[in-house]
C-alpha atoms as a PDB file:
ATOM      1  CA  MET A   1      -0.041  -0.038  -0.026  1.00  0.00           C
ATOM      2  CA  GLN A   2       1.088   3.567  -0.670  1.00  0.00           C
ATOM      3  CA  THR A   3       0.365   6.545   1.657  1.00  0.00           C
ATOM      4  CA  ILE A   4      -0.765   9.584  -0.268  1.00  0.00           C
ATOM      5  CA  LYS A   5      -0.620  13.105   1.223  1.00  0.00           C
ATOM      6  CA  GLN A   6      -1.029  15.840  -1.387  1.00  0.00           C
ATOM      7  CA  GLN A   7      -1.289  19.637  -0.823  1.00  0.00           C
ATOM      8  CA  LEU A   8      -4.314  20.954  -2.804  1.00  0.00           C
ATOM      9  CA  ASN A   9      -4.311  24.617  -1.716  1.00  0.00           C
ATOM     10  CA  ALA A  10      -3.733  26.901   1.145  1.00  0.00           C
ATOM     11  CA  HIS A  11      -6.439  25.411   3.340  1.00  0.00           C
ATOM     12  CA  SER A  12      -7.085  21.802   2.060  1.00  0.00           C
ATOM     13  CA  TYR A  13      -5.231  18.451   1.829  1.00  0.00           C
ATOM     14  CA  PHE A  14      -6.285  14.829   1.632  1.00  0.00           C
ATOM     15  CA  ALA A  15      -4.435  11.907   3.190  1.00  0.00           C
ATOM     16  CA  GLY A  16      -5.200   8.186   3.092  1.00  0.00           C
ATOM     17  CA  VAL A  17      -4.445   4.908   1.713  1.00  0.00           C
ATOM     18  CA  MET A  18      -4.393   3.985  -1.975  1.00  0.00           C
ATOM     19  CA  GLN A  19      -4.256   0.428  -3.280  1.00  0.00           C
ATOM     20  CA  SER A  20      -0.904  -0.370  -5.045  1.00  0.00           C
ATOM     21  CA  THR A  21      -0.967  -2.243  -8.328  1.00  0.00           C
ATOM     22  CA  PRO A  22       2.558  -3.991  -8.736  1.00  0.00           C
ATOM     23  CA  GLY A  23       1.510  -6.391 -11.380  1.00  0.00           C
ATOM     24  CA  ALA A  24       0.441  -5.966 -14.992  1.00  0.00           C
ATOM     25  CA  ASN A  25      -2.195  -8.633 -14.672  1.00  0.00           C
ATOM     26  CA  LEU A  26      -3.784  -7.149 -11.491  1.00  0.00           C
ATOM     27  CA  GLN A  27      -6.699  -4.719 -11.289  1.00  0.00           C
ATOM     28  CA  THR A  28      -5.340  -1.268 -12.186  1.00  0.00           C
ATOM     29  CA  THR A  29      -8.038   1.043 -10.939  1.00  0.00           C
ATOM     30  CA  PHE A  30     -10.309   0.933  -7.882  1.00  0.00           C
ATOM     31  CA  PRO A  31     -13.333   2.525  -6.479  1.00  0.00           C
ATOM     32  CA  THR A  32     -12.478   5.619  -4.293  1.00  0.00           C
ATOM     33  CA  ILE A  33     -14.154   7.266  -1.357  1.00  0.00           C
ATOM     34  CA  VAL A  34     -13.521  10.722  -0.055  1.00  0.00           C
ATOM     35  CA  ILE A  35     -14.178  10.937   3.741  1.00  0.00           C
ATOM     36  CA  VAL A  36     -15.404  14.302   4.888  1.00  0.00           C
ATOM     37  CA  PRO A  37     -15.057  14.297   8.656  1.00  0.00           C
ATOM     38  CA  GLY A  38     -17.065  16.244  11.219  1.00  0.00           C
ATOM     39  CA  GLY A  39     -15.694  18.596  13.900  1.00  0.00           C
ATOM     40  CA  SER A  40     -18.079  21.603  14.117  1.00  0.00           C
ATOM     41  CA  TYR A  41     -16.226  23.403  11.305  1.00  0.00           C
ATOM     42  CA  THR A  42     -13.461  24.138  13.841  1.00  0.00           C
ATOM     43  CA  HIS A  43     -11.346  20.920  13.584  1.00  0.00           C
ATOM     44  CA  ILE A  44     -11.426  17.264  12.375  1.00  0.00           C
ATOM     45  CA  PRO A  45     -10.697  14.248  14.517  1.00  0.00           C
ATOM     46  CA  GLU A  46      -7.831  12.912  12.485  1.00  0.00           C
ATOM     47  CA  ALA A  47      -7.540   9.595  14.290  1.00  0.00           C
ATOM     48  CA  GLN A  48     -11.219   8.859  13.668  1.00  0.00           C
ATOM     49  CA  ALA A  49     -10.912   9.922  10.017  1.00  0.00           C
ATOM     50  CA  GLU A  50      -7.895   7.729   9.480  1.00  0.00           C
ATOM     51  CA  ALA A  51      -9.728   4.717  11.009  1.00  0.00           C
ATOM     52  CA  ILE A  52     -12.547   5.124   8.565  1.00  0.00           C
ATOM     53  CA  VAL A  53     -10.124   5.468   5.738  1.00  0.00           C
ATOM     54  CA  LEU A  54      -8.494   2.197   6.775  1.00  0.00           C
ATOM     55  CA  ALA A  55     -11.923   0.384   7.107  1.00  0.00           C
ATOM     56  CA  PHE A  56     -12.843   1.294   3.553  1.00  0.00           C
ATOM     57  CA  ALA A  57      -9.362   0.505   2.288  1.00  0.00           C
ATOM     58  CA  ALA A  58      -9.782  -2.912   3.766  1.00  0.00           C
ATOM     59  CA  GLN A  59     -12.756  -3.460   1.654  1.00  0.00           C
ATOM     60  CA  GLY A  60     -10.853  -2.697  -1.537  1.00  0.00           C
ATOM     61  CA  PHE A  61     -11.412   1.047  -1.909  1.00  0.00           C
ATOM     62  CA  ASN A  62      -8.930   3.843  -2.428  1.00  0.00           C
ATOM     63  CA  ALA A  63      -9.692   5.973   0.513  1.00  0.00           C
ATOM     64  CA  VAL A  64      -8.739   9.511   1.364  1.00  0.00           C
ATOM     65  CA  TYR A  65      -9.954  12.173   3.833  1.00  0.00           C
ATOM     66  CA  LEU A  66     -10.426  15.848   3.236  1.00  0.00           C
ATOM     67  CA  ARG A  67      -9.017  18.455   5.432  1.00  0.00           C
ATOM     68  CA  TYR A  68     -11.372  21.268   4.546  1.00  0.00           C
ATOM     69  CA  SER A  69     -11.200  24.897   5.732  1.00  0.00           C
ATOM     70  CA  PHE A  70     -12.331  25.820   9.199  1.00  0.00           C
ATOM     71  CA  VAL A  71     -13.980  28.870  10.610  1.00  0.00           C
ATOM     72  CA  GLY A  72     -11.329  31.517  11.389  1.00  0.00           C
ATOM     73  CA  GLU A  73      -9.396  30.544   8.294  1.00  0.00           C
ATOM     74  CA  VAL A  74     -12.137  31.913   5.795  1.00  0.00           C
ATOM     75  CA  THR A  75     -14.848  34.304   6.772  1.00  0.00           C
ATOM     76  CA  PRO A  76     -17.606  33.478   6.207  1.00  0.00           C
ATOM     77  CA  LEU A  77     -16.684  29.876   5.801  1.00  0.00           C
ATOM     78  CA  LEU A  78     -19.162  28.685   3.194  1.00  0.00           C
ATOM     79  CA  PRO A  79     -18.972  27.781   0.374  1.00  0.00           C
ATOM     80  CA  THR A  80     -15.130  27.251   0.583  1.00  0.00           C
ATOM     81  CA  PRO A  81     -15.294  23.550   1.942  1.00  0.00           C
ATOM     82  CA  ILE A  82     -17.678  22.740  -1.023  1.00  0.00           C
ATOM     83  CA  ILE A  83     -15.109  24.200  -3.407  1.00  0.00           C
ATOM     84  CA  GLU A  84     -12.352  22.281  -1.852  1.00  0.00           C
ATOM     85  CA  LEU A  85     -14.303  18.983  -2.071  1.00  0.00           C
ATOM     86  CA  GLY A  86     -14.888  19.688  -5.786  1.00  0.00           C
ATOM     87  CA  GLN A  87     -11.187  20.260  -6.362  1.00  0.00           C
ATOM     88  CA  THR A  88     -10.302  17.148  -4.624  1.00  0.00           C
ATOM     89  CA  ILE A  89     -12.629  14.988  -6.640  1.00  0.00           C
ATOM     90  CA  ALA A  90     -11.441  16.541  -9.901  1.00  0.00           C
ATOM     91  CA  GLN A  91      -7.887  15.881  -8.993  1.00  0.00           C
ATOM     92  CA  LEU A  92      -8.489  12.305  -7.959  1.00  0.00           C
ATOM     93  CA  LYS A  93     -10.154  11.683 -11.331  1.00  0.00           C
ATOM     94  CA  ASN A  94      -7.566  13.441 -13.380  1.00  0.00           C
ATOM     95  CA  THR A  95      -4.179  12.328 -12.058  1.00  0.00           C
ATOM     96  CA  PRO A  96      -3.277   9.307 -14.330  1.00  0.00           C
ATOM     97  CA  THR A  97      -0.695   7.828 -12.030  1.00  0.00           C
ATOM     98  CA  TRP A  98      -3.281   7.213  -9.317  1.00  0.00           C
ATOM     99  CA  PRO A  99      -5.363   3.865  -9.597  1.00  0.00           C
ATOM    100  CA  VAL A 100      -8.740   5.619  -9.437  1.00  0.00           C
ATOM    101  CA  ASP A 101     -11.861   4.437 -11.420  1.00  0.00           C
ATOM    102  CA  SER A 102     -13.167   7.873 -12.420  1.00  0.00           C
ATOM    103  CA  ASN A 103     -16.745   6.404 -12.633  1.00  0.00           C
ATOM    104  CA  LYS A 104     -16.719   5.120  -9.054  1.00  0.00           C
ATOM    105  CA  VAL A 105     -15.807   8.054  -6.858  1.00  0.00           C
ATOM    106  CA  LEU A 106     -17.964   8.345  -3.666  1.00  0.00           C
ATOM    107  CA  VAL A 107     -18.223  10.956  -0.915  1.00  0.00           C
ATOM    108  CA  PHE A 108     -18.997  10.022   2.733  1.00  0.00           C
ATOM    109  CA  GLY A 109     -19.700  12.910   5.070  1.00  0.00           C
ATOM    110  CA  MET A 110     -20.359  12.882   8.771  1.00  0.00           C
ATOM    111  CA  SER A 111     -21.855  15.662  10.932  1.00  0.00           C
ATOM    112  CA  VAL A 112     -20.691  19.032   9.334  1.00  0.00           C
ATOM    113  CA  GLY A 113     -18.796  16.880   6.886  1.00  0.00           C
ATOM    114  CA  GLY A 114     -22.262  15.526   5.983  1.00  0.00           C
ATOM    115  CA  HIS A 115     -23.313  19.179   5.480  1.00  0.00           C
ATOM    116  CA  ILE A 116     -20.544  19.655   2.970  1.00  0.00           C
ATOM    117  CA  ALA A 117     -21.303  16.346   1.215  1.00  0.00           C
ATOM    118  CA  ALA A 118     -25.059  17.052   1.025  1.00  0.00           C
ATOM    119  CA  LEU A 119     -24.557  20.515  -0.372  1.00  0.00           C
ATOM    120  CA  TYR A 120     -21.961  19.150  -2.811  1.00  0.00           C
ATOM    121  CA  ASN A 121     -24.661  16.745  -3.983  1.00  0.00           C
ATOM    122  CA  ASP A 122     -26.893  19.673  -4.578  1.00  0.00           C
ATOM    123  CA  TYR A 123     -24.253  21.897  -6.179  1.00  0.00           C
ATOM    124  CA  TRP A 124     -21.680  19.619  -7.987  1.00  0.00           C
ATOM    125  CA  ALA A 125     -23.049  20.555 -11.474  1.00  0.00           C
ATOM    126  CA  ALA A 126     -23.584  24.289 -10.688  1.00  0.00           C
ATOM    127  CA  THR A 127     -22.040  26.952 -12.961  1.00  0.00           C
ATOM    128  CA  TRP A 128     -20.757  28.949  -9.944  1.00  0.00           C
ATOM    129  CA  LEU A 129     -18.815  25.819  -8.708  1.00  0.00           C
ATOM    130  CA  THR A 130     -17.345  25.349 -12.259  1.00  0.00           C
ATOM    131  CA  LYS A 131     -16.038  28.869 -12.077  1.00  0.00           C
ATOM    132  CA  ALA A 132     -14.743  28.515  -8.434  1.00  0.00           C
ATOM    133  CA  THR A 133     -12.866  25.284  -9.050  1.00  0.00           C
ATOM    134  CA  ASP A 134     -11.837  25.858 -12.668  1.00  0.00           C
ATOM    135  CA  THR A 135     -13.028  22.327 -13.449  1.00  0.00           C
ATOM    136  CA  SER A 136     -15.765  20.849 -15.586  1.00  0.00           C
ATOM    137  CA  ALA A 137     -18.979  19.417 -13.971  1.00  0.00           C
ATOM    138  CA  GLN A 138     -18.140  15.903 -15.367  1.00  0.00           C
ATOM    139  CA  THR A 139     -14.788  15.800 -13.510  1.00  0.00           C
ATOM    140  CA  ARG A 140     -16.519  16.790 -10.272  1.00  0.00           C
ATOM    141  CA  LYS A 141     -19.451  14.330 -10.584  1.00  0.00           C
ATOM    142  CA  PRO A 142     -19.683  11.847  -7.728  1.00  0.00           C
ATOM    143  CA  ALA A 143     -21.129   8.361  -8.212  1.00  0.00           C
ATOM    144  CA  GLY A 144     -22.911   8.581  -4.935  1.00  0.00           C
ATOM    145  CA  ILE A 145     -23.171  10.277  -1.563  1.00  0.00           C
ATOM    146  CA  LEU A 146     -23.104   8.676   1.893  1.00  0.00           C
ATOM    147  CA  LEU A 147     -24.243  10.713   4.997  1.00  0.00           C
ATOM    148  CA  GLY A 148     -23.786   9.783   8.638  1.00  0.00           C
ATOM    149  CA  TYR A 149     -25.671  11.946  11.160  1.00  0.00           C
ATOM    150  CA  PRO A 150     -25.332  14.914   8.942  1.00  0.00           C
ATOM    151  CA  VAL A 151     -26.007  18.619   9.531  1.00  0.00           C
ATOM    152  CA  ILE A 152     -28.318  19.550   6.747  1.00  0.00           C
ATOM    153  CA  SER A 153     -29.481  23.116   7.379  1.00  0.00           C
ATOM    154  CA  PRO A 154     -28.095  25.639   9.775  1.00  0.00           C
ATOM    155  CA  LYS A 155     -31.764  26.216  10.696  1.00  0.00           C
ATOM    156  CA  LEU A 156     -32.494  22.682  11.854  1.00  0.00           C
ATOM    157  CA  GLY A 157     -31.071  22.777  15.336  1.00  0.00           C
ATOM    158  CA  PHE A 158     -27.281  23.052  14.658  1.00  0.00           C
ATOM    159  CA  PRO A 159     -25.571  25.375  15.342  1.00  0.00           C
ATOM    160  CA  THR A 160     -27.510  26.885  18.268  1.00  0.00           C
ATOM    161  CA  SER A 161     -25.469  30.117  18.424  1.00  0.00           C
ATOM    162  CA  ALA A 162     -26.050  33.148  16.220  1.00  0.00           C
ATOM    163  CA  THR A 163     -22.425  34.007  16.509  1.00  0.00           C
ATOM    164  CA  THR A 164     -21.388  30.576  15.157  1.00  0.00           C
ATOM    165  CA  LEU A 165     -23.932  30.761  12.264  1.00  0.00           C
ATOM    166  CA  ALA A 166     -22.449  34.091  11.286  1.00  0.00           C
ATOM    167  CA  GLN A 167     -19.078  32.411  11.023  1.00  0.00           C
ATOM    168  CA  TRP A 168     -20.578  29.894   8.749  1.00  0.00           C
ATOM    169  CA  THR A 169     -22.597  32.091   6.406  1.00  0.00           C
ATOM    170  CA  ASP A 170     -24.574  35.324   6.145  1.00  0.00           C
ATOM    171  CA  THR A 171     -26.998  33.588   3.721  1.00  0.00           C
ATOM    172  CA  PRO A 172     -28.175  30.402   5.612  1.00  0.00           C
ATOM    173  CA  ASP A 173     -30.856  29.529   3.098  1.00  0.00           C
ATOM    174  CA  THR A 174     -28.198  29.059   0.370  1.00  0.00           C
ATOM    175  CA  PHE A 175     -26.684  26.420   2.651  1.00  0.00           C
ATOM    176  CA  ALA A 176     -29.922  24.641   3.660  1.00  0.00           C
ATOM    177  CA  ALA A 177     -29.200  21.506   1.648  1.00  0.00           C
ATOM    178  CA  GLU A 178     -32.704  20.175   1.696  1.00  0.00           C
ATOM    179  CA  LYS A 179     -33.902  23.178  -0.264  1.00  0.00           C
ATOM    180  CA  HIS A 180     -31.515  22.713  -3.176  1.00  0.00           C
ATOM    181  CA  VAL A 181     -32.054  19.137  -4.185  1.00  0.00           C
ATOM    182  CA  SER A 182     -32.626  18.742  -7.912  1.00  0.00           C
ATOM    183  CA  GLN A 183     -32.497  16.178 -10.726  1.00  0.00           C
ATOM    184  CA  HIS A 184     -28.688  16.403 -10.570  1.00  0.00           C
ATOM    185  CA  ASN A 185     -28.487  14.906  -7.072  1.00  0.00           C
ATOM    186  CA  GLN A 186     -26.813  11.539  -7.133  1.00  0.00           C
ATOM    187  CA  PRO A 187     -27.922   8.370  -5.300  1.00  0.00           C
ATOM    188  CA  THR A 188     -27.621   8.909  -1.515  1.00  0.00           C
ATOM    189  CA  PHE A 189     -27.275   6.570   1.509  1.00  0.00           C
ATOM    190  CA  ALA A 190     -28.047   8.066   4.831  1.00  0.00           C
ATOM    191  CA  TRP A 191     -27.893   6.849   8.435  1.00  0.00           C
ATOM    192  CA  VAL A 192     -28.682   8.519  11.721  1.00  0.00           C
ATOM    193  CA  THR A 193     -29.752   7.728  15.255  1.00  0.00           C
ATOM    194  CA  ALA A 194     -33.282   8.862  16.429  1.00  0.00           C
ATOM    195  CA  ASP A 195     -32.080  10.285  19.650  1.00  0.00           C
ATOM    196  CA  ASP A 196     -29.032  12.241  18.479  1.00  0.00           C
ATOM    197  CA  GLN A 197     -28.795  15.100  20.970  1.00  0.00           C
ATOM    198  CA  LEU A 198     -26.395  17.358  19.113  1.00  0.00           C
ATOM    199  CA  VAL A 199     -27.596  17.287  15.520  1.00  0.00           C
ATOM    200  CA  PRO A 200     -31.313  16.491  15.498  1.00  0.00           C
ATOM    201  CA  ALA A 201     -32.310  13.608  13.243  1.00  0.00           C
ATOM    202  CA  GLY A 202     -34.753  15.938  11.527  1.00  0.00           C
ATOM    203  CA  ASN A 203     -31.803  17.118   9.508  1.00  0.00           C
ATOM    204  CA  THR A 204     -31.341  13.790   7.943  1.00  0.00           C
ATOM    205  CA  LEU A 205     -35.123  13.209   7.482  1.00  0.00           C
ATOM    206  CA  SER A 206     -35.418  16.566   5.688  1.00  0.00           C
ATOM    207  CA  TYR A 207     -32.900  15.703   3.070  1.00  0.00           C
ATOM    208  CA  VAL A 208     -34.154  12.245   2.547  1.00  0.00           C
ATOM    209  CA  ASN A 209     -37.689  13.653   2.162  1.00  0.00           C
ATOM    210  CA  ALA A 210     -36.452  16.261  -0.422  1.00  0.00           C
ATOM    211  CA  MET A 211     -34.605  13.484  -2.368  1.00  0.00           C
ATOM    212  CA  TRP A 212     -37.824  11.400  -2.267  1.00  0.00           C
ATOM    213  CA  GLN A 213     -39.924  14.358  -3.418  1.00  0.00           C
ATOM    214  CA  MET A 214     -37.610  14.840  -6.444  1.00  0.00           C
ATOM    215  CA  GLN A 215     -37.693  11.074  -7.099  1.00  0.00           C
ATOM    216  CA  ARG A 216     -33.947  10.730  -6.632  1.00  0.00           C
ATOM    217  CA  PRO A 217     -32.470   7.394  -5.464  1.00  0.00           C
ATOM    218  CA  VAL A 218     -32.074   7.477  -1.612  1.00  0.00           C
ATOM    219  CA  GLU A 219     -31.735   4.822   1.220  1.00  0.00           C
ATOM    220  CA  LEU A 220     -32.327   5.674   4.862  1.00  0.00           C
ATOM    221  CA  HIS A 221     -31.334   3.806   8.011  1.00  0.00           C
ATOM    222  CA  MET A 222     -32.609   5.297  11.279  1.00  0.00           C
ATOM    223  CA  PHE A 223     -31.271   3.516  14.357  1.00  0.00           C
ATOM    224  CA  ASP A 224     -33.220   3.918  17.630  1.00  0.00           C
ATOM    225  CA  HIS A 225     -30.450   4.821  19.979  1.00  0.00           C
ATOM    226  CA  GLY A 226     -26.947   6.358  19.883  1.00  0.00           C
ATOM    227  CA  PRO A 227     -25.194   9.616  20.523  1.00  0.00           C
ATOM    228  CA  HIS A 228     -23.762  11.953  17.993  1.00  0.00           C
ATOM    229  CA  GLY A 229     -20.452  11.130  16.455  1.00  0.00           C
ATOM    230  CA  LEU A 230     -20.545   7.369  16.441  1.00  0.00           C
ATOM    231  CA  ALA A 231     -18.275   7.009  13.369  1.00  0.00           C
ATOM    232  CA  LEU A 232     -17.776   3.266  12.812  1.00  0.00           C
ATOM    233  CA  SER A 233     -19.756   2.660  16.105  1.00  0.00           C
ATOM    234  CA  THR A 234     -17.031   0.124  17.187  1.00  0.00           C
ATOM    235  CA  ALA A 235     -14.255   0.204  19.667  1.00  0.00           C
ATOM    236  CA  VAL A 236     -11.968   1.383  16.876  1.00  0.00           C
ATOM    237  CA  THR A 237     -13.425   4.819  16.829  1.00  0.00           C
ATOM    238  CA  ALA A 238     -15.185   4.895  20.294  1.00  0.00           C
ATOM    239  CA  GLY A 239     -14.013   7.779  22.498  1.00  0.00           C
ATOM    240  CA  LYS A 240     -16.164   6.519  25.190  1.00  0.00           C
ATOM    241  CA  SER A 241     -18.247   3.401  25.870  1.00  0.00           C
ATOM    242  CA  SER A 242     -21.553   4.810  24.471  1.00  0.00           C
ATOM    243  CA  HIS A 243     -19.844   5.150  21.036  1.00  0.00           C
ATOM    244  CA  ASP A 244     -19.255   1.330  20.815  1.00  0.00           C
ATOM    245  CA  ASN A 245     -22.775   0.146  19.651  1.00  0.00           C
ATOM    246  CA  PRO A 246     -22.847  -3.138  17.752  1.00  0.00           C
ATOM    247  CA  HIS A 247     -26.349  -2.456  16.484  1.00  0.00           C
ATOM    248  CA  VAL A 248     -25.561   0.885  14.835  1.00  0.00           C
ATOM    249  CA  ALA A 249     -22.264  -0.617  13.588  1.00  0.00           C
ATOM    250  CA  HIS A 250     -24.324  -2.487  11.058  1.00  0.00           C
ATOM    251  CA  TRP A 251     -24.496   0.821   9.057  1.00  0.00           C
ATOM    252  CA  PHE A 252     -21.091  -0.099   7.605  1.00  0.00           C
ATOM    253  CA  GLU A 253     -22.150  -3.419   6.251  1.00  0.00           C
ATOM    254  CA  LEU A 254     -25.418  -1.850   4.829  1.00  0.00           C
ATOM    255  CA  ALA A 255     -23.448   0.883   3.225  1.00  0.00           C
ATOM    256  CA  LEU A 256     -21.125  -1.678   1.487  1.00  0.00           C
ATOM    257  CA  GLU A 257     -24.284  -3.513   0.191  1.00  0.00           C
ATOM    258  CA  TRP A 258     -25.724  -0.316  -1.099  1.00  0.00           C
ATOM    259  CA  ILE A 259     -22.505   0.598  -2.881  1.00  0.00           C
ATOM    260  CA  ASP A 260     -22.383  -2.912  -4.501  1.00  0.00           C
ATOM    261  CA  HIS A 261     -25.958  -2.307  -5.850  1.00  0.00           C
ATOM    262  CA  LEU A 262     -24.959   1.185  -7.076  1.00  0.00           C
ATOM    263  CA  PHE A 263     -21.838   0.076  -8.781  1.00  0.00           C
ATOM    264  CA  ALA A 264     -23.705  -2.811 -10.558  1.00  0.00           C
ATOM    265  CA  GLU A 265     -25.545  -0.120 -12.583  1.00  0.00           C
ATOM    266  CA  ILE A 266     -22.283   1.571 -13.610  1.00  0.00           C
ATOM    267  CA  PRO A 267     -20.453   0.232 -16.718  1.00  0.00           C
ATOM    268  CA  ASP A 268     -16.870  -0.998 -16.210  1.00  0.00           C
END
C-alpha cells in the first residue's frame, strides 16, 4: 500500500491509503471514497478519520480524507469547503498515475462533513462551482453520496449560536441542503440515530424527504439509539463506551451492500 498526502491549496489537503498495483495482470483502478469528517467546522478528529479510511481501504477502496477549511481560516466559511471537495474529486479523477476508477468516486460525510457532502450533492453541477474550481462538472461528478448523522441546514438545530452561524454564512438559506435538491442529485445513502442530541435527526429526514420528493434514489437507516459522532460505532473509533454500539455498527455493512448495488449499474 502507498500512503498519499497531497497539498491541494492553502487550506485543504487529503491523506489516506491507496491500493498499489505492482503487477500488470492485476486490477489497475479501484473505486474511491472521499471521507469528509465532522468537527463543528473548527477541527477534524484525525484519528477517527484515518480509522474510517482504513476500514474502507480494507474493503478494496482507495480511501482519502479531506482536510477542509475551518471557521477562522475563511470568513464566512461557506462555500469554501464545497469548493475544496470539488477540487479534490477533480484531482482524484484526473491524475493518471493514481489507480482511481473515475466512474466510481464516492463521498462520505459525517456531521458537518455531511453538510458539505449534502451541499456538494446539490451543487456539484452548478455553474458557480465550475468557475470557483476551474474544473468541468463531469470531472466533479460523484457516483454517490453517503451521509452519517449529517448537519443539513443551519436552521434545523445546529448550530445553536447566532455568532457561530455568522461564522458559517450570512446567507443560511443558500446552505440549507434540503432546499436545493434537484435532478442532478446523485444516489444517496443516509444513516442517523433517532435520539441524536447534538444534531437533530430531523436534519437527515428533511434531506431524505427532499430526495424522495424529487424522485432521486435514496436509502435511509434510522437506528433507535446512539449519541452523535459514532463514526464506525465500534471500539476502533469509540472515544467512550456509548460510542461502541454493535447494533448501529451495522451501518457499515449496509453501506457496502448499497455501494455494490450502485456500482452494479455503472459500466466497467
